[in-house]
Structures are given as structure tokens and as C-alpha cells.
């Protein structure tokens, strides 16, 4: 498996968490099914965004040194958050800056094959030489060309041609190359690193839906242009929104991974976030809200209580009827995951198992002591399946003050709430009362109470 990893210029957010978790579960399931898995996740540690952040955070310092500091700082933050989430580390984690010579050799080969060309100090891929370009994103090249433009400063022949190597700009990080000083463009790194580590043809390539075009489309063009076969299967996950809006610092709804986890019960924070992710098929978009997180909290309490280990395990075999039913749940779990890694259906089998377990426990507490082996078997099966989904299911500490106390301050900023209030006021002034009331109900569902006064509308958190 090769998965597009982070470009390390900012704190990881919950969208990164969803991406990492999805591929972690896929990897865990393949291992559970006895596949030998090599998991590669790259790191982009030189990029326009990293350079810009270095200028902001380390003004006056040498830019080369500042870029390294930024990349190290935010890669460390990414690693810390992945560890906190319980995401398995990759088997290989190549960095773009460690592969500069290999990228140059790859580009030289593309030029030799006539599918790339040098223009000034830049090197571009000739899109007209790519066979079947657009096959991954299901786009016709003619339609792509209709809206394409050559930006100022670009030296390419065709608007769709993309950069393989960028000529050096003043003071920016650069490396010597056959075409002069410069640095690799973004797309080339994945073609080079995946083929170097996994070979010219490998099983699974993953990433977000936003990477299909142009990133993954360009990876295919590069690799096939070099005479390689590339990935057999592509897995793309849907994107994450916050209360129906794109996550953005300008909207005040940016949620970092550590901020999200800090709001939740310490021993179960990662599980709660994961349960929220599990409720939507990986290929679909998902909307983060306080209400959805609270539902995940309640579910994780039930899962964790059912998974608590017996103080005195028994060695007897469970009743054959109960064992068959529990094994049937496990088979349904496998069947769901075999069907395009259908995690919501797999999670539903955990719910069914907990329901069945609760029935066994109810009977056991009322004198049916012979059911203890059955209870133990149900618990062991639950922990096995939960582990495939990356759930720890730690013991529940009832006194943890964070249970059911999630603050929505990290979901809706004051500015965003006020924006919705302003929209409501405009609708009311336009006598669109039904639409205005829908905004009130929407905010109330998020725990926000509006109060209309003579001076205007105020708001408070629901007590």
C-alpha cells in the first residue's frame, strides 16, 4: 500500500485524522486476513506552502534552515497526533528531500522517452504524450483543455502540461540538476518513491478524493510514461466538512486533531473520534458536528463496558448455539469489510455483538452461571473485531468529568455563530420566517440558544 501523506506546514486537523484512520483500518483488516502488508506513507517536506510558512515563522533567518525547521516541527506534530490516535506507524515513510537524486534520474528517463521537455530551468511533462490521460478522473482531455490557462511565469507549451522540476527562485531551497539549480515539483515524488520501495507495480494506492485530479492522474502519466505499470487498485476517501461547511481558518472552524481529542474523555478520545468516522463509508463525505460526536461517545461507552475483561476467566467452551451466533456476527463483519471495506456495516456487527452480549449478561446475572464461557467468548470476539477497527475500548471511568460534556466551542466559532444570526435577521426582515426559524433550529441542535431582545439577537450555550 502506498498512501499520500502530509505536506508538513501546519498542525494536523481532523480531516487528516480521517484519512489516516481509514487506511489504518484497511491495513489492519488485510493483516487480520493474513496478508503480508507493506505500508508506505510519504512526507512532502519541501513545497511552496512550507516555504511560505518558513518565511512567516522564521523572519530574517536563512530560508533553507527555516524550511527544515518548519518541516521538522509539523512532521513531529503529525507523528504525535497519529500516536495519540493509535494509528499504526508506516513500514516506510520516505521524505521528498531524501529522494532528490532518484527523482532526477526518473525525470531524465522521461526526457529520453520524449514525454517530457526542458523549458528554461524548468522541466514539464508533455500531456499530449500521455496515453489515456483522464482515465482515473473520468475526464476527456478536450474538456480539460477548454478551461486550462498558462499562468504568468510558467514556460510550458500546453496549459495541461505539468511541472516535474522547478527552476530555483532566489534564496529558496534548491539542488543541483542537469537543468540547473531547482527543486522537484509535487507530483513526481510519489511516482519515484512508490516504485523505489514497492516496485513498478503494486497493489493499492490511496488518498483523498481531492487528489484524484490532478495529482494521481499525473502520477499515472509519469509512471506509465517511464514504462512502468503503477498501481493496481485506487482507494479514495471522501472529504470532511464542519457543520456543512468546508473547514477553513478564515471561517473560524478549523479543528486540529489534538484540540478535538482534548474535548473528550482522556482514555476514550481516540475511540470516540474513530466511531464517528466509522459511521460513514470511507468514499463518502462526512460532516463533523457536536451532535455526531455525542452519539459516538454514547456508543463507545456501550462498546467499552461490554469489552471489559473478566476478572476470573474460565477455560470452558461456550454453548454451541451461542458460539454459532457469535461466529455468525464475525462472518458478517468479514463480509462487510470484504465488500469495499464497508466500515459502517462492520461497525453495525459490533453493535449486534454488544446487544447479544448484554442479553447473555442479563441472564447470567439472574442465576444462569453456566453462561460465563459464552460471555467470555463474546468479549474476546468483540475485542478482536474492535482491534481490526483500531478501537482500544479501554475500561470506562464513570467519574471522568468529560463524559457527555463536550464543548461545542471547537465546532462553531463565535464568528460563525454570529454569521448565522445575521443571516437569520436578514431572512426575518425579508419575511422569510420559515427559513429564519430553520437557522434557529439548526443552532439549537448544536447546543446554541438564541434569545431575541429589543436590542437584537443574543445567544448562549444550552445548559
Protein backbone atom coordinates (compact mmCIF):
# COMPACT_ATOMS: atom_id res chain seq x y z
CA UNK A 1 0.00 0.00 0.00
CA UNK A 2 1.16 3.49 -0.84
CA UNK A 3 -0.78 6.37 0.72
CA UNK A 4 -0.21 10.07 0.07
CA UNK A 5 0.92 11.52 3.38
CA UNK A 6 1.11 15.03 4.81
CA UNK A 7 2.62 18.19 3.43
CA UNK A 8 4.13 19.38 6.70
CA UNK A 9 3.43 23.11 7.02
CA UNK A 10 0.66 23.27 9.67
CA UNK A 11 -0.92 21.46 12.60
CA UNK A 12 -2.76 18.26 11.54
CA UNK A 13 -6.55 18.62 11.52
CA UNK A 14 -9.40 16.13 11.84
CA UNK A 15 -9.54 15.70 8.07
CA UNK A 16 -6.01 14.30 8.28
CA UNK A 17 -7.21 12.08 11.13
CA UNK A 18 -9.98 10.62 8.99
CA UNK A 19 -7.61 9.90 6.11
CA UNK A 20 -5.01 8.24 8.32
CA UNK A 21 -7.66 6.21 10.15
CA UNK A 22 -9.33 4.88 7.01
CA UNK A 23 -6.08 3.48 5.65
CA UNK A 24 -5.09 2.21 9.09
CA UNK A 25 -8.29 0.13 9.23
CA UNK A 26 -7.76 -1.19 5.69
CA UNK A 27 -4.23 -2.18 6.62
CA UNK A 28 -5.36 -3.80 9.90
CA UNK A 29 -8.06 -5.77 8.09
CA UNK A 30 -5.66 -7.09 5.46
CA UNK A 31 -3.29 -8.22 8.22
CA UNK A 32 -6.23 -9.81 10.07
CA UNK A 33 -6.97 -11.74 6.84
CA UNK A 34 -3.34 -13.00 6.81
CA UNK A 35 -1.97 -10.77 4.06
CA UNK A 36 1.60 -9.62 4.34
CA UNK A 37 1.29 -5.83 4.12
CA UNK A 38 3.99 -3.25 3.39
CA UNK A 39 2.54 0.16 4.19
CA UNK A 40 4.23 3.27 2.76
CA UNK A 41 3.19 6.83 3.58
CA UNK A 42 5.25 9.65 2.14
CA UNK A 43 6.08 13.08 3.56
CA UNK A 44 6.26 16.21 1.41
CA UNK A 45 8.90 18.28 3.22
CA UNK A 46 9.67 20.86 0.53
CA UNK A 47 6.81 22.75 -1.08
CA UNK A 48 5.52 26.27 -1.75
CA UNK A 49 3.32 26.18 1.37
CA UNK A 50 6.23 25.07 3.56
CA UNK A 51 8.42 27.84 2.16
CA UNK A 52 5.71 30.43 2.80
CA UNK A 53 5.23 29.22 6.39
CA UNK A 54 9.00 29.36 6.93
CA UNK A 55 9.00 33.00 5.86
CA UNK A 56 6.18 33.74 8.32
CA UNK A 57 7.52 31.85 11.34
CA UNK A 58 11.25 32.49 10.98
CA UNK A 59 11.51 36.01 9.58
CA UNK A 60 15.05 37.12 8.97
CA UNK A 61 16.53 33.62 9.24
CA UNK A 62 18.19 31.73 6.41
CA UNK A 63 15.29 30.35 4.35
CA UNK A 64 16.88 26.93 3.80
CA UNK A 65 17.30 26.47 7.53
CA UNK A 66 13.82 27.84 8.23
CA UNK A 67 12.19 25.41 5.78
CA UNK A 68 13.84 22.47 7.56
CA UNK A 69 12.65 23.77 10.94
CA UNK A 70 9.07 24.10 9.71
CA UNK A 71 9.08 20.63 8.14
CA UNK A 72 10.54 19.05 11.29
CA UNK A 73 8.16 20.90 13.61
CA UNK A 74 4.98 19.91 11.80
CA UNK A 75 6.09 16.36 10.99
CA UNK A 76 6.75 15.87 14.70
CA UNK A 77 3.26 17.24 15.41
CA UNK A 78 1.78 14.83 12.86
CA UNK A 79 3.59 11.87 14.42
CA UNK A 80 2.44 12.86 17.91
CA UNK A 81 -1.17 13.12 16.80
CA UNK A 82 -1.03 9.78 14.96
CA UNK A 83 0.34 8.15 18.10
CA UNK A 84 -2.41 9.74 20.20
CA UNK A 85 -4.98 8.38 17.75
CA UNK A 86 -3.48 4.89 17.89
CA UNK A 87 -2.65 4.84 14.18
CA UNK A 88 -0.05 2.21 13.33
CA UNK A 89 3.22 3.76 12.05
CA UNK A 90 4.06 3.12 8.38
CA UNK A 91 6.62 0.49 7.46
CA UNK A 92 8.33 3.12 5.32
CA UNK A 93 7.97 6.90 5.50
CA UNK A 94 10.09 8.43 2.72
CA UNK A 95 10.66 12.17 2.62
CA UNK A 96 10.77 14.09 -0.64
CA UNK A 97 14.15 15.65 0.20
CA UNK A 98 15.70 12.18 0.65
CA UNK A 99 14.79 11.25 -2.93
CA UNK A 100 16.15 14.16 -4.98
CA UNK A 101 18.74 12.07 -6.94
CA UNK A 102 16.15 9.36 -7.70
CA UNK A 103 13.67 11.99 -8.89
CA UNK A 104 16.27 13.50 -11.20
CA UNK A 105 17.03 10.08 -12.72
CA UNK A 106 13.31 9.50 -13.25
CA UNK A 107 12.94 12.86 -15.00
CA UNK A 108 15.98 12.16 -17.19
CA UNK A 109 14.29 8.92 -18.28
CA UNK A 110 11.06 10.76 -19.13
CA UNK A 111 13.01 13.25 -21.26
CA UNK A 112 14.82 10.40 -23.05
CA UNK A 113 11.48 8.77 -23.83
CA UNK A 114 10.21 12.01 -25.34
CA UNK A 115 7.35 12.55 -22.88
CA UNK A 116 8.98 15.46 -21.03
CA UNK A 117 10.84 18.57 -22.14
CA UNK A 118 13.13 21.24 -20.70
CA UNK A 119 11.99 24.86 -20.83
CA UNK A 120 14.40 27.35 -19.28
CA UNK A 121 15.31 25.89 -15.90
CA UNK A 122 12.03 24.01 -15.63
CA UNK A 123 11.07 20.54 -16.84
CA UNK A 124 7.49 19.75 -17.90
CA UNK A 125 5.58 16.59 -18.73
CA UNK A 126 4.10 16.72 -22.24
CA UNK A 127 0.48 15.84 -21.61
CA UNK A 128 -0.17 15.06 -25.28
CA UNK A 129 2.25 12.12 -24.94
CA UNK A 130 0.25 10.56 -22.08
CA UNK A 131 -1.91 7.66 -23.26
CA UNK A 132 -5.40 7.68 -21.76
CA UNK A 133 -4.88 10.80 -19.67
CA UNK A 134 -8.00 11.38 -17.59
CA UNK A 135 -8.91 7.71 -17.16
CA UNK A 136 -8.77 7.84 -13.36
CA UNK A 137 -10.84 11.01 -13.01
CA UNK A 138 -13.06 10.03 -15.99
CA UNK A 139 -12.41 13.29 -17.80
CA UNK A 140 -11.91 13.91 -21.50
CA UNK A 141 -8.70 15.78 -22.27
CA UNK A 142 -10.59 18.09 -24.65
CA UNK A 143 -12.83 19.33 -21.82
CA UNK A 144 -9.83 19.81 -19.52
CA UNK A 145 -8.13 21.95 -22.15
CA UNK A 146 -11.18 24.19 -22.51
CA UNK A 147 -10.65 25.81 -19.11
CA UNK A 148 -6.88 25.49 -18.80
CA UNK A 149 -4.58 28.52 -18.86
CA UNK A 150 -0.83 29.07 -18.65
CA UNK A 151 -0.10 31.10 -15.53
CA UNK A 152 2.37 34.01 -15.57
CA UNK A 153 5.93 32.74 -15.16
CA UNK A 154 5.19 29.26 -16.49
CA UNK A 155 7.19 28.19 -19.53
CA UNK A 156 5.16 25.22 -20.70
CA UNK A 157 3.91 24.53 -24.21
CA UNK A 158 0.41 23.38 -23.34
CA UNK A 159 -1.83 24.60 -20.47
CA UNK A 160 -2.28 20.99 -19.26
CA UNK A 161 1.46 20.21 -19.15
CA UNK A 162 2.62 19.92 -15.56
CA UNK A 163 5.94 20.60 -13.87
CA UNK A 164 8.39 17.85 -12.98
CA UNK A 165 11.22 20.17 -11.91
CA UNK A 166 11.08 23.85 -10.97
CA UNK A 167 13.98 26.19 -11.58
CA UNK A 168 15.39 27.81 -8.46
CA UNK A 169 14.00 31.09 -7.13
CA UNK A 170 16.16 33.46 -5.12
CA UNK A 171 17.03 32.17 -1.63
CA UNK A 172 14.61 29.20 -1.88
CA UNK A 173 15.82 25.64 -1.19
CA UNK A 174 17.37 24.14 -4.32
CA UNK A 175 19.52 21.29 -5.57
CA UNK A 176 21.93 20.97 -8.48
CA UNK A 177 20.46 19.18 -11.51
CA UNK A 178 21.17 18.65 -15.23
CA UNK A 179 18.81 21.61 -15.86
CA UNK A 180 20.33 23.97 -13.32
CA UNK A 181 19.52 24.56 -9.68
CA UNK A 182 15.95 23.87 -8.63
CA UNK A 183 13.65 21.54 -6.75
CA UNK A 184 11.21 18.76 -7.65
CA UNK A 185 7.57 19.52 -8.33
CA UNK A 186 4.94 17.82 -6.20
CA UNK A 187 3.63 15.04 -8.46
CA UNK A 188 6.97 13.42 -9.27
CA UNK A 189 7.81 12.42 -5.70
CA UNK A 190 5.04 9.81 -5.37
CA UNK A 191 5.85 8.08 -8.67
CA UNK A 192 9.51 7.83 -7.68
CA UNK A 193 9.13 6.79 -4.05
CA UNK A 194 6.40 4.22 -4.64
CA UNK A 195 8.30 2.47 -7.43
CA UNK A 196 11.57 2.54 -5.49
CA UNK A 197 10.05 0.94 -2.37
CA UNK A 198 7.21 -1.21 -3.73
CA UNK A 199 8.30 -1.85 -7.32
CA UNK A 200 6.95 -0.68 -10.66
CA UNK A 201 3.57 -2.31 -9.98
CA UNK A 202 2.00 -2.52 -6.54
CA UNK A 203 -1.41 -3.30 -5.11
CA UNK A 204 -3.10 -0.29 -3.50
CA UNK A 205 -2.64 3.46 -3.86
CA UNK A 206 -4.69 5.66 -1.55
CA UNK A 207 -5.55 9.27 -0.85
CA UNK A 208 -8.38 11.78 -0.69
CA UNK A 209 -10.89 12.43 -3.44
CA UNK A 210 -9.29 15.84 -3.92
CA UNK A 211 -6.09 14.12 -5.08
CA UNK A 212 -7.64 12.22 -7.99
CA UNK A 213 -7.12 15.19 -10.29
CA UNK A 214 -4.56 16.35 -10.98
CA UNK A 215 -2.18 14.64 -8.53
CA UNK A 216 -2.99 10.97 -9.05
CA UNK A 217 -3.81 11.46 -12.71
CA UNK A 218 -0.34 12.97 -13.14
CA UNK A 219 1.31 10.17 -11.18
CA UNK A 220 -0.16 7.66 -13.61
CA UNK A 221 1.02 9.71 -16.61
CA UNK A 222 4.57 9.95 -15.21
CA UNK A 223 4.89 6.30 -14.26
CA UNK A 224 3.39 4.97 -17.49
CA UNK A 225 5.46 7.49 -19.41
CA UNK A 226 8.54 5.88 -17.87
CA UNK A 227 7.34 2.43 -18.97
CA UNK A 228 6.01 1.34 -15.57
CA UNK A 229 2.62 -0.20 -14.73
CA UNK A 230 1.96 1.55 -11.38
CA UNK A 231 -0.99 0.88 -9.01
CA UNK A 232 -3.48 -1.99 -9.49
CA UNK A 233 -6.22 -0.53 -7.23
CA UNK A 234 -7.06 3.02 -6.16
CA UNK A 235 -8.84 3.88 -2.91
CA UNK A 236 -10.06 7.44 -2.42
CA UNK A 237 -11.85 8.71 0.66
CA UNK A 238 -14.45 11.47 0.86
CA UNK A 239 -13.69 14.81 2.46
CA UNK A 240 -14.72 16.23 5.83
CA UNK A 241 -16.84 19.30 6.50
CA UNK A 242 -17.73 21.14 9.72
CA UNK A 243 -21.47 21.65 10.16
CA UNK A 244 -21.91 21.52 6.40
CA UNK A 245 -19.09 23.95 5.62
CA UNK A 246 -15.58 23.43 4.35
CA UNK A 247 -13.06 23.58 7.18
CA UNK A 248 -11.09 26.82 6.97
CA UNK A 249 -9.19 29.06 9.35
CA UNK A 250 -10.84 32.06 7.69
CA UNK A 251 -14.26 30.69 8.73
CA UNK A 252 -13.04 30.04 12.25
CA UNK A 253 -13.96 26.35 12.10
CA UNK A 254 -10.51 24.76 11.82
CA UNK A 255 -10.28 21.83 14.25
CA UNK A 256 -6.87 20.38 14.99
CA UNK A 257 -6.61 16.72 15.97
CA UNK A 258 -5.26 17.48 19.44
CA UNK A 259 -7.97 20.12 20.03
CA UNK A 260 -10.68 17.61 19.14
CA UNK A 261 -9.19 14.94 21.41
CA UNK A 262 -8.72 17.32 24.36
CA UNK A 263 -12.50 17.85 24.47
CA UNK A 264 -13.17 14.14 25.02
CA UNK A 265 -12.69 11.67 27.90
CA UNK A 266 -8.96 11.01 28.09
CA UNK A 267 -8.91 7.20 27.81
CA UNK A 268 -11.54 7.11 25.06
CA UNK A 269 -10.96 10.25 23.00
CA UNK A 270 -9.42 8.45 20.02
CA UNK A 271 -12.12 5.75 20.06
CA UNK A 272 -14.90 8.35 20.04
CA UNK A 273 -13.43 10.15 17.05
CA UNK A 274 -12.95 6.81 15.26
CA UNK A 275 -16.52 5.71 15.99
CA UNK A 276 -17.68 8.95 14.40
CA UNK A 277 -15.59 8.17 11.29
CA UNK A 278 -16.89 4.59 11.15
CA UNK A 279 -20.48 5.74 10.68
CA UNK A 280 -19.88 6.86 7.09
CA UNK A 281 -18.50 4.81 4.19
CA UNK A 282 -14.93 5.87 3.50
CA UNK A 283 -15.75 7.00 -0.05
CA UNK A 284 -18.47 9.43 1.08
CA UNK A 285 -18.13 12.91 2.59
CA UNK A 286 -18.61 13.21 6.34
CA UNK A 287 -19.87 16.15 8.40
CA UNK A 288 -18.42 16.84 11.83
CA UNK A 289 -20.80 18.20 14.45
CA UNK A 290 -21.15 18.20 18.21
CA UNK A 291 -24.28 16.07 17.97
CA UNK A 292 -22.49 13.38 15.96
CA UNK A 293 -19.60 13.28 18.44
CA UNK A 294 -22.01 12.93 21.36
CA UNK A 295 -23.64 9.95 19.65
CA UNK A 296 -20.19 8.39 19.21
CA UNK A 297 -19.46 8.99 22.91
CA UNK A 298 -22.56 7.05 23.93
CA UNK A 299 -21.69 4.16 21.60
CA UNK A 300 -18.13 3.88 22.86
CA UNK A 301 -19.40 3.66 26.45
CA UNK A 302 -21.51 0.64 25.44
CA UNK A 303 -18.69 -0.98 23.46
CA UNK A 304 -16.11 -0.41 26.19
CA UNK A 305 -18.29 -1.73 29.01
CA UNK A 306 -19.02 -4.90 27.04
CA UNK A 307 -15.33 -5.40 26.25
CA UNK A 308 -14.08 -5.18 29.85
CA UNK A 309 -12.12 -8.29 30.70
CA UNK A 310 -13.48 -10.88 33.12
CA UNK A 311 -11.67 -10.86 36.46
CA UNK A 312 -11.70 -14.65 36.57
CA UNK A 313 -11.54 -16.05 33.01
CA UNK A 314 -12.91 -19.54 32.51
CA UNK A 315 -11.46 -22.30 30.39
CA UNK A 316 -14.69 -23.99 29.33
CA UNK A 317 -16.13 -23.95 25.80
CA UNK A 318 -19.23 -21.79 25.23
CA UNK A 319 -22.63 -23.27 24.42
CA UNK A 320 -22.62 -24.38 20.76
CA UNK A 321 -25.73 -22.36 19.90
CA UNK A 322 -24.32 -19.15 21.33
CA UNK A 323 -20.93 -19.79 19.74
CA UNK A 324 -22.52 -20.23 16.33
CA UNK A 325 -24.45 -16.97 16.69
CA UNK A 326 -21.33 -15.06 17.72
CA UNK A 327 -19.34 -16.65 14.90
CA UNK A 328 -22.10 -15.59 12.52
CA UNK A 329 -21.63 -11.98 13.62
CA UNK A 330 -17.91 -12.31 12.97
CA UNK A 331 -18.61 -13.71 9.48
CA UNK A 332 -20.97 -10.80 8.78
CA UNK A 333 -18.20 -8.42 9.91
CA UNK A 334 -15.76 -10.02 7.46
CA UNK A 335 -18.35 -9.95 4.69
CA UNK A 336 -18.91 -6.21 5.23
CA UNK A 337 -15.19 -5.46 5.09
CA UNK A 338 -14.79 -7.70 2.02
CA UNK A 339 -17.40 -5.53 0.29
CA UNK A 340 -15.24 -2.48 -0.50
CA UNK A 341 -14.21 -2.11 3.18
CA UNK A 342 -17.74 -1.21 4.27
CA UNK A 343 -16.85 0.07 7.73
CA UNK A 344 -20.36 1.26 8.72
CA UNK A 345 -21.70 -2.26 8.16
CA UNK A 346 -18.73 -3.75 10.01
CA UNK A 347 -19.35 -1.39 12.92
CA UNK A 348 -23.01 -2.45 12.90
CA UNK A 349 -21.84 -6.01 13.63
CA UNK A 350 -20.08 -4.73 16.75
CA UNK A 351 -23.39 -3.16 17.81
CA UNK A 352 -25.13 -6.51 17.21
CA UNK A 353 -22.46 -8.35 19.21
CA UNK A 354 -22.79 -5.93 22.14
CA UNK A 355 -26.57 -6.36 22.05
CA UNK A 356 -26.21 -10.14 22.15
CA UNK A 357 -23.60 -9.91 24.90
CA UNK A 358 -25.92 -7.75 27.02
CA UNK A 359 -28.61 -10.43 26.71
CA UNK A 360 -26.17 -13.11 27.90
CA UNK A 361 -25.03 -10.94 30.81
CA UNK A 362 -28.63 -10.21 31.82
CA UNK A 363 -29.38 -13.94 32.07
CA UNK A 364 -26.07 -14.67 33.83
CA UNK A 365 -26.75 -12.02 36.50
CA UNK A 366 -30.07 -13.72 37.20
CA UNK A 367 -28.57 -17.05 38.09
CA UNK A 368 -27.54 -18.65 34.80
CA UNK A 369 -23.91 -19.16 35.85
CA UNK A 370 -23.25 -21.64 33.05
CA UNK A 371 -23.23 -18.71 30.59
CA UNK A 372 -19.87 -17.38 31.80
CA UNK A 373 -17.89 -19.11 28.98
CA UNK A 374 -20.34 -17.66 26.45
CA UNK A 375 -19.85 -14.16 27.89
CA UNK A 376 -16.10 -14.59 27.75
CA UNK A 377 -16.29 -15.75 24.10
CA UNK A 378 -18.43 -12.74 23.19
CA UNK A 379 -15.98 -10.37 24.90
CA UNK A 380 -12.97 -11.93 23.18
CA UNK A 381 -14.68 -11.72 19.79
CA UNK A 382 -15.64 -8.09 20.41
CA UNK A 383 -12.05 -7.18 21.29
CA UNK A 384 -10.73 -8.99 18.21
CA UNK A 385 -13.09 -7.17 15.84
CA UNK A 386 -12.62 -3.86 17.63
CA UNK A 387 -8.87 -4.20 17.18
CA UNK A 388 -9.39 -4.57 13.41
CA UNK A 389 -11.18 -1.22 13.55
CA UNK A 390 -8.40 0.27 15.65
CA UNK A 391 -10.61 0.67 18.75
CA UNK A 392 -8.90 0.29 22.13
CA UNK A 393 -12.11 0.01 24.22
CA UNK A 394 -10.41 0.93 27.49
CA UNK A 395 -12.26 0.45 30.79
CA UNK A 396 -14.84 3.18 31.45
CA UNK A 397 -14.15 5.55 34.34
CA UNK A 398 -17.62 6.75 35.27
CA UNK A 399 -16.26 9.73 37.20
CA UNK A 400 -14.45 11.20 34.18
CA UNK A 401 -15.94 14.72 34.04
CA UNK A 402 -15.61 14.88 30.26
CA UNK A 403 -18.23 12.19 29.56
CA UNK A 404 -21.17 13.91 27.87
CA UNK A 405 -19.64 17.34 28.46
CA UNK A 406 -18.19 18.04 25.04
CA UNK A 407 -17.86 21.75 24.43
CA UNK A 408 -19.01 22.91 21.03
CA UNK A 409 -16.59 25.83 21.09
CA UNK A 410 -14.25 23.89 18.80
CA UNK A 411 -17.07 23.12 16.38
CA UNK A 412 -18.66 26.54 15.97
CA UNK A 413 -16.63 29.70 16.45
CA UNK A 414 -18.23 32.87 17.81
CA UNK A 415 -17.77 34.48 14.39
CA UNK A 416 -19.54 31.62 12.61
CA UNK A 417 -22.44 31.69 15.09
CA UNK A 418 -22.81 35.44 14.62
CA UNK A 419 -22.76 34.98 10.85
CA UNK A 420 -25.70 32.57 11.09
CA UNK A 421 -27.55 35.02 13.38
CA UNK A 422 -27.03 37.78 10.83
CA UNK A 423 -28.38 35.53 8.07
CA UNK A 424 -31.43 34.80 10.23
CA UNK A 425 -32.05 38.52 10.81
CA UNK A 426 -31.95 39.21 7.07
CA UNK A 427 -34.43 36.40 6.43
CA UNK A 428 -36.77 37.75 9.11
CA UNK A 429 -36.61 41.27 7.67
CA UNK A 430 -37.50 39.75 4.31
CA UNK A 431 -40.47 37.96 5.94
CA UNK A 432 -38.94 34.55 5.22
CA UNK A 433 -39.88 33.30 8.67
CA UNK A 434 -39.75 29.56 7.94
CA UNK A 435 -36.16 29.81 6.66
CA UNK A 436 -35.19 32.03 9.59
CA UNK A 437 -36.65 29.52 12.02
CA UNK A 438 -34.68 26.70 10.38
CA UNK A 439 -31.46 28.54 11.33
CA UNK A 440 -32.67 28.83 14.93
CA UNK A 441 -33.39 25.09 15.00
CA UNK A 442 -30.05 24.29 13.37
CA UNK A 443 -28.17 26.24 16.06
CA UNK A 444 -30.29 24.76 18.83
CA UNK A 445 -29.35 21.27 17.60
CA UNK A 446 -25.72 22.34 18.12
CA UNK A 447 -26.47 23.42 21.71
CA UNK A 448 -26.89 27.13 21.00
CA UNK A 449 -29.93 29.02 22.25
CA UNK A 450 -30.95 32.27 20.53
CA UNK A 451 -32.72 34.99 22.51
CA UNK A 452 -34.45 37.83 20.64
CA UNK A 453 -34.45 41.16 22.51
CA UNK A 454 -35.25 44.80 21.65
CA UNK A 455 -31.52 45.38 21.17
CA UNK A 456 -31.18 42.42 18.79
CA UNK A 457 -30.49 38.70 18.97
CA UNK A 458 -28.10 37.27 21.55
CA UNK A 459 -27.01 33.68 22.03
CA UNK A 460 -25.81 31.36 24.79
CA UNK A 461 -24.76 27.76 25.16
CA UNK A 462 -27.53 25.40 26.22
CA UNK A 463 -27.16 24.47 29.89
